[in-house]
Protein backbone atom coordinates (compact mmCIF):
# COMPACT_ATOMS: atom_id res chain seq x y z
CA UNK A 1 5.74 -15.70 -4.13
CA UNK A 2 2.42 -15.95 -2.37
CA UNK A 3 -1.07 -14.97 -3.42
CA UNK A 4 -0.86 -11.75 -1.38
CA UNK A 5 2.05 -10.58 -3.53
CA UNK A 6 0.02 -11.31 -6.67
CA UNK A 7 -2.96 -9.43 -5.34
CA UNK A 8 -0.85 -6.40 -4.39
CA UNK A 9 0.64 -6.28 -7.88
CA UNK A 10 -2.80 -6.65 -9.43
CA UNK A 11 -4.10 -3.76 -7.32
CA UNK A 12 -1.23 -1.60 -8.62
CA UNK A 13 -1.62 -2.70 -12.24
CA UNK A 14 -2.63 0.74 -13.47
CA UNK A 15 -6.21 -0.05 -14.40
CA UNK A 16 -5.63 -3.25 -16.35
CA UNK A 17 -8.41 -5.79 -16.22
CA UNK A 18 -7.60 -9.05 -14.44
CA UNK A 19 -7.47 -10.93 -17.76
CA UNK A 20 -4.99 -8.40 -19.18
CA UNK A 21 -2.87 -8.69 -16.05
CA UNK A 22 -2.96 -12.50 -16.34
CA UNK A 23 -1.91 -12.37 -20.01
CA UNK A 24 1.15 -10.30 -19.16
CA UNK A 25 1.96 -12.60 -16.24
CA UNK A 26 1.81 -15.62 -18.55
CA UNK A 27 4.10 -13.88 -21.04
CA UNK A 28 6.72 -13.35 -18.32
CA UNK A 29 7.03 -17.10 -17.80
CA UNK A 30 9.31 -19.43 -19.70
CA UNK A 31 7.90 -22.57 -21.28
CA UNK A 32 9.78 -25.83 -21.71
CA UNK A 33 8.67 -26.90 -25.14
CA UNK A 34 6.11 -26.79 -27.91
CA UNK A 35 2.52 -26.97 -26.81
CA UNK A 36 3.23 -26.17 -23.16
CA UNK A 37 2.34 -22.50 -23.52
CA UNK A 38 -0.80 -23.26 -25.53
CA UNK A 39 -1.91 -25.72 -22.85
CA UNK A 40 -1.34 -23.08 -20.15
CA UNK A 41 -3.37 -20.57 -22.18
CA UNK A 42 -6.30 -22.98 -22.37
CA UNK A 43 -6.13 -24.29 -18.81
CA UNK A 44 -5.21 -21.15 -16.88
CA UNK A 45 -6.98 -18.47 -18.87
CA UNK A 46 -9.75 -20.45 -20.51
CA UNK A 47 -8.94 -18.99 -23.92
CA UNK A 48 -8.25 -20.46 -27.32
CA UNK A 49 -4.67 -19.64 -28.32
CA UNK A 50 -5.84 -17.63 -31.34
CA UNK A 51 -7.99 -15.40 -29.12
CA UNK A 52 -5.15 -15.11 -26.60
CA UNK A 53 -2.77 -13.81 -29.25
CA UNK A 54 -5.39 -11.34 -30.51
CA UNK A 55 -5.79 -9.97 -26.99
CA UNK A 56 -2.03 -9.92 -26.43
CA UNK A 57 -1.41 -8.02 -29.65
CA UNK A 58 -3.96 -5.36 -28.66
CA UNK A 59 -2.46 -5.21 -25.18
CA UNK A 60 0.99 -4.42 -26.59
CA UNK A 61 -0.44 -1.16 -27.95
CA UNK A 62 -2.08 -0.22 -24.64
CA UNK A 63 -0.17 2.42 -22.64
CA UNK A 64 -1.53 0.92 -19.41
CA UNK A 65 0.21 -2.36 -20.21
CA UNK A 66 3.47 -0.53 -20.91
CA UNK A 67 3.21 1.29 -17.60
CA UNK A 68 2.42 -1.95 -15.76
CA UNK A 69 5.18 -4.13 -17.23
CA UNK A 70 7.55 -2.18 -19.48
CA UNK A 71 10.17 -4.94 -19.73
CA UNK A 72 7.73 -7.58 -20.98
CA UNK A 73 5.77 -5.21 -23.24
CA UNK A 74 8.90 -3.76 -24.85
CA UNK A 75 10.38 -7.25 -25.38
CA UNK A 76 7.18 -8.43 -27.05
CA UNK A 77 6.97 -5.27 -29.17
CA UNK A 78 10.53 -5.94 -30.43
CA UNK A 79 9.61 -9.53 -31.30
CA UNK A 80 6.48 -8.36 -33.09
CA UNK A 81 8.38 -5.75 -35.08
CA UNK A 82 11.11 -8.19 -36.10
CA UNK A 83 8.47 -10.64 -37.34
CA UNK A 84 6.75 -7.90 -39.31
CA UNK A 85 10.07 -6.88 -40.86
CA UNK A 86 10.66 -10.46 -42.02
CA UNK A 87 7.45 -10.44 -44.05
């Protein structure tokens, strides 16, 4: 995938801010082991992991995010709900 593809998808993101789009893109990726995702959050997005997860949680309730990436958002909503049910 080239940068043009990324830009086209960003343009069609339904009004999401670039940071929101980047958060969803990061969530679509798989990570090899512990700490790899947190390192990517810091290096690629310039965020502390705690702040990243705060933004992600708010994004999961945003209808624009659901419209942009329903598979990822619905998967993360299911994970969130199962964790809440465990408490």
